[in-house]
Amino acid sequence: MTSSKLHRILGAGGAIALAAGMAATLGMGAAQAESISSDEIDASSITFTRTVAGDAVVNGEVTTGDEIQITNTINRKLLWLVYSAQDNHPTCIEAVPNTSAWTVGGKTYSNSGDTEDGTIQKPDEVTTGEGWAKIDAAGISSWEATPLTWTQTYTVNCDPGTLNTGGLQSDSTGGKDNKADVGPTITVKAKPVIPGPGGGDGAGSLGSLFSIFGSLS
């Protein structure tokens, strides 16, 4: 297993149950990363916390092209069962393939495709599209969610500015809930421009340098 794949599965600061479970399985310490969280959201059939984390998150800021991890930690109410959870987000936040992992009922599942990473492979329970990613308990019908902790890696291909990262949609025996814009909000920064020698794009300055050395020969 590559270190980058392991990092994507373990990299979500705030997904404490997931990181701890994976660390116990693999004999490693939990990964460290900055994170920002929305407040706990009270829906009609669940409560949840939504966290944006990752090594690229610094003081709530990321740069266009950076990868982040969004974690939804879901707790059911009463004895209701959760059938599915869908993370809704701006279309410029794009899911990285095969980077979902979720812990529930003492087991950790993923769609990583890696049978040696300590997770139970459930690729058919993960689907993604423009502006959403979803896990569906089709194979086991439902989750008890006490809690359910789900992390998905995304690439932020958004224009610079303030960005509400979205929210959670769920389906359970207590009903359907859609809290689409709870956040948290992050700030997207433009990629830094690295000028070439002499302040240009590099080619002109390099050509000038060659002309100078040529005149000295």
Protein backbone atom coordinates (compact mmCIF):
# COMPACT_ATOMS: atom_id res chain seq x y z
CA MET A 1 0.00 0.00 0.00
CA THR A 2 1.36 3.45 -0.88
CA SER A 3 1.87 6.05 1.83
CA SER A 4 -0.29 8.56 -0.08
CA LYS A 5 -3.27 6.17 -0.03
CA LEU A 6 -2.83 5.55 3.69
CA HIS A 7 -2.56 9.29 4.30
CA ARG A 8 -5.83 9.93 2.48
CA ILE A 9 -7.66 7.36 4.60
CA LEU A 10 -6.17 8.48 7.92
CA GLY A 11 -5.65 12.16 7.16
CA ALA A 12 -8.87 13.67 8.54
CA GLY A 13 -8.29 15.47 11.79
CA GLY A 14 -11.60 15.31 13.63
CA ALA A 15 -12.40 11.79 12.45
CA ILE A 16 -11.21 10.51 15.80
CA ALA A 17 -13.00 7.18 15.74
CA LEU A 18 -11.74 6.43 12.25
CA ALA A 19 -8.14 7.40 12.96
CA ALA A 20 -8.07 5.51 16.23
CA GLY A 21 -9.55 2.38 14.68
CA MET A 22 -7.10 2.42 11.80
CA ALA A 23 -4.18 3.13 14.12
CA ALA A 24 -5.10 0.14 16.28
CA THR A 25 -5.32 -2.06 13.21
CA LEU A 26 -2.05 -0.87 11.69
CA GLY A 27 -0.10 -0.16 14.87
CA MET A 28 0.38 3.52 14.01
CA GLY A 29 -0.31 6.83 15.72
CA ALA A 30 -3.21 8.94 14.53
CA ALA A 31 -2.37 11.43 11.79
CA GLN A 32 -2.21 15.09 12.76
CA ALA A 33 -3.88 17.81 10.70
CA GLU A 34 -5.48 21.18 11.23
CA SER A 35 -9.25 21.20 11.06
CA ILE A 36 -12.29 23.44 11.32
CA SER A 37 -15.77 22.22 12.23
CA SER A 38 -19.33 23.36 11.91
CA ASP A 39 -21.37 23.27 15.11
CA GLU A 40 -23.27 20.08 15.86
CA ILE A 41 -26.37 20.15 13.67
CA ASP A 42 -29.66 18.89 15.04
CA ALA A 43 -31.82 17.36 12.30
CA SER A 44 -35.14 15.63 12.84
CA SER A 45 -33.67 12.13 13.00
CA ILE A 46 -29.92 12.58 13.54
CA THR A 47 -27.29 14.95 14.88
CA PHE A 48 -24.03 15.47 13.05
CA THR A 49 -20.79 17.43 13.01
CA ARG A 50 -19.09 18.33 9.72
CA THR A 51 -15.34 18.90 9.70
CA VAL A 52 -12.90 20.14 7.05
CA ALA A 53 -9.36 18.95 7.71
CA GLY A 54 -6.04 18.15 6.10
CA ASP A 55 -2.40 19.15 6.01
CA ALA A 56 -3.33 21.86 3.48
CA VAL A 57 -5.80 23.54 5.87
CA VAL A 58 -4.06 26.40 7.66
CA ASN A 59 -6.13 28.78 9.76
CA GLY A 60 -9.21 27.88 7.74
CA GLU A 61 -7.48 28.63 4.43
CA VAL A 62 -6.57 26.39 1.50
CA THR A 63 -5.02 27.05 -1.90
CA THR A 64 -6.74 26.21 -5.17
CA GLY A 65 -5.69 22.69 -6.13
CA ASP A 66 -5.18 21.52 -2.52
CA GLU A 67 -6.68 18.32 -1.15
CA ILE A 68 -8.90 18.37 1.93
CA GLN A 69 -10.81 15.76 3.91
CA ILE A 70 -14.46 16.33 4.82
CA THR A 71 -15.68 14.25 7.75
CA ASN A 72 -19.31 13.79 8.75
CA THR A 73 -19.78 12.34 12.23
CA ILE A 74 -23.39 11.19 12.53
CA ASN A 75 -25.33 10.14 15.62
CA ARG A 76 -28.83 8.69 15.36
CA LYS A 77 -31.68 9.73 17.63
CA LEU A 78 -33.69 7.20 19.64
CA LEU A 79 -33.23 3.79 17.98
CA TRP A 80 -33.56 5.04 14.40
CA LEU A 81 -31.35 3.43 11.78
CA VAL A 82 -29.46 5.32 9.07
CA TYR A 83 -29.82 4.06 5.48
CA SER A 84 -27.58 6.54 3.67
CA ALA A 85 -25.58 9.74 4.06
CA GLN A 86 -24.79 12.17 1.26
CA ASP A 87 -22.26 15.00 1.47
CA ASN A 88 -23.46 17.93 -0.66
CA HIS A 89 -20.90 20.57 -1.62
CA PRO A 90 -20.03 23.09 -4.35
CA THR A 91 -19.23 21.43 -7.68
CA CYS A 92 -15.72 22.89 -7.59
CA ILE A 93 -14.99 20.55 -4.65
CA GLU A 94 -14.27 17.30 -6.49
CA ALA A 95 -14.13 13.85 -4.88
CA VAL A 96 -10.82 12.02 -5.21
CA PRO A 97 -11.61 8.47 -6.40
CA ASN A 98 -11.33 5.61 -3.90
CA THR A 99 -10.77 7.76 -0.80
CA SER A 100 -13.93 7.18 1.24
CA ALA A 101 -13.62 5.50 4.64
CA TRP A 102 -16.22 5.14 7.37
CA THR A 103 -16.31 3.60 10.83
CA VAL A 104 -19.51 2.29 12.41
CA GLY A 105 -20.30 -0.51 14.83
CA GLY A 106 -16.63 -1.08 15.58
CA LYS A 107 -15.72 -1.80 11.94
CA THR A 108 -13.99 0.37 9.34
CA TYR A 109 -15.05 0.23 5.70
CA SER A 110 -13.60 1.87 2.59
CA ASN A 111 -13.52 1.88 -1.19
CA SER A 112 -9.73 2.18 -1.34
CA GLY A 113 -9.31 -1.04 -3.31
CA ASP A 114 -6.49 -2.02 -0.95
CA THR A 115 -7.15 -5.33 0.82
CA GLU A 116 -4.13 -4.77 3.10
CA ASP A 117 -5.06 -1.39 4.57
CA GLY A 118 -7.09 -2.86 7.44
CA THR A 119 -10.50 -1.82 6.09
CA ILE A 120 -13.45 -3.86 4.85
CA GLN A 121 -13.84 -3.15 1.15
CA LYS A 122 -17.29 -1.81 0.18
CA PRO A 123 -16.77 -0.05 -3.18
CA ASP A 124 -20.40 -0.58 -4.21
CA GLU A 125 -21.62 1.45 -1.22
CA VAL A 126 -19.89 4.64 -2.41
CA THR A 127 -21.08 6.82 -5.30
CA THR A 128 -20.06 10.33 -6.34
CA GLY A 129 -21.17 12.99 -8.80
CA GLU A 130 -20.91 16.72 -9.42
CA GLY A 131 -21.51 18.33 -6.06
CA TRP A 132 -22.11 15.21 -3.99
CA ALA A 133 -20.66 12.00 -2.55
CA LYS A 134 -22.78 9.29 -0.94
CA ILE A 135 -22.44 6.17 1.17
CA ASP A 136 -25.37 3.76 1.13
CA ALA A 137 -25.83 0.81 3.47
CA ALA A 138 -27.37 -1.31 0.71
CA GLY A 139 -25.24 -4.33 1.56
CA ILE A 140 -26.26 -4.37 5.23
CA SER A 141 -29.55 -2.42 4.89
CA SER A 142 -28.78 0.14 7.62
CA TRP A 143 -26.32 1.45 10.22
CA GLU A 144 -26.97 2.00 13.91
CA ALA A 145 -24.79 5.15 13.79
CA THR A 146 -23.61 5.32 17.38
CA PRO A 147 -21.77 7.09 15.80
CA LEU A 148 -21.07 6.75 12.07
CA THR A 149 -17.87 8.60 11.10
CA TRP A 150 -17.31 9.07 7.37
CA THR A 151 -14.33 10.76 5.69
CA GLN A 152 -13.94 11.59 1.99
CA THR A 153 -10.97 13.29 0.31
CA TYR A 154 -11.62 16.12 -2.16
CA THR A 155 -9.62 18.43 -4.42
CA VAL A 156 -10.54 22.10 -4.06
CA ASN A 157 -10.68 23.44 -7.62
CA CYS A 158 -12.53 26.60 -6.62
CA ASP A 159 -11.98 30.27 -7.42
CA PRO A 160 -10.36 32.36 -4.67
CA GLY A 161 -12.71 33.71 -2.05
CA THR A 162 -14.92 32.65 0.84
CA LEU A 163 -16.52 29.25 0.31
CA ASN A 164 -19.29 27.48 2.24
CA THR A 165 -18.26 23.82 1.92
CA GLY A 166 -21.83 22.48 1.96
CA GLY A 167 -23.72 20.10 4.20
CA LEU A 168 -25.23 16.69 4.79
CA GLN A 169 -28.29 14.88 3.45
CA SER A 170 -29.41 11.70 5.21
CA ASP A 171 -32.08 9.04 5.08
CA SER A 172 -33.10 7.07 8.16
CA THR A 173 -36.06 5.38 9.78
CA GLY A 174 -36.70 8.75 11.43
CA GLY A 175 -37.12 10.44 8.05
CA LYS A 176 -35.09 12.28 5.44
CA ASP A 177 -33.02 15.34 6.34
CA ASN A 178 -31.17 17.83 4.15
CA LYS A 179 -28.95 20.43 5.80
CA ALA A 180 -27.30 21.59 2.61
CA ASP A 181 -25.26 24.62 3.63
CA VAL A 182 -24.16 24.26 7.24
CA GLY A 183 -20.46 24.58 6.34
CA PRO A 184 -17.93 25.06 7.72
CA THR A 185 -16.78 28.00 5.60
CA ILE A 186 -13.20 28.12 4.34
CA THR A 187 -11.16 30.70 2.44
CA VAL A 188 -9.72 29.64 -0.90
CA LYS A 189 -6.50 31.36 -1.96
CA ALA A 190 -5.06 31.65 -5.46
CA LYS A 191 -1.99 29.66 -6.36
CA PRO A 192 1.14 31.78 -5.91
CA VAL A 193 2.74 33.04 -9.11
CA ILE A 194 6.41 32.10 -9.29
CA PRO A 195 8.17 34.44 -11.74
CA GLY A 196 11.16 33.40 -13.80
CA PRO A 197 14.62 35.00 -13.42
CA GLY A 198 14.44 38.75 -13.87
CA GLY A 199 10.73 38.88 -13.03
CA GLY A 200 9.46 37.52 -16.33
CA ASP A 201 8.12 34.11 -17.25
CA GLY A 202 11.61 32.69 -17.32
CA ALA A 203 12.05 32.19 -21.06
CA GLY A 204 12.85 35.81 -21.98
CA SER A 205 15.19 36.28 -19.04
CA LEU A 206 17.00 33.06 -19.82
CA GLY A 207 17.38 34.16 -23.43
CA SER A 208 18.87 37.46 -22.28
CA LEU A 209 21.32 35.59 -20.06
CA PHE A 210 22.49 33.47 -22.95
CA SER A 211 22.97 36.58 -25.08
CA ILE A 212 25.16 38.15 -22.40
CA PHE A 213 27.37 35.09 -22.07
CA GLY A 214 27.47 34.78 -25.84
CA SER A 215 28.79 38.30 -26.20
CA LEU A 216 31.60 37.50 -23.75
CA SER A 217 32.84 34.46 -25.63
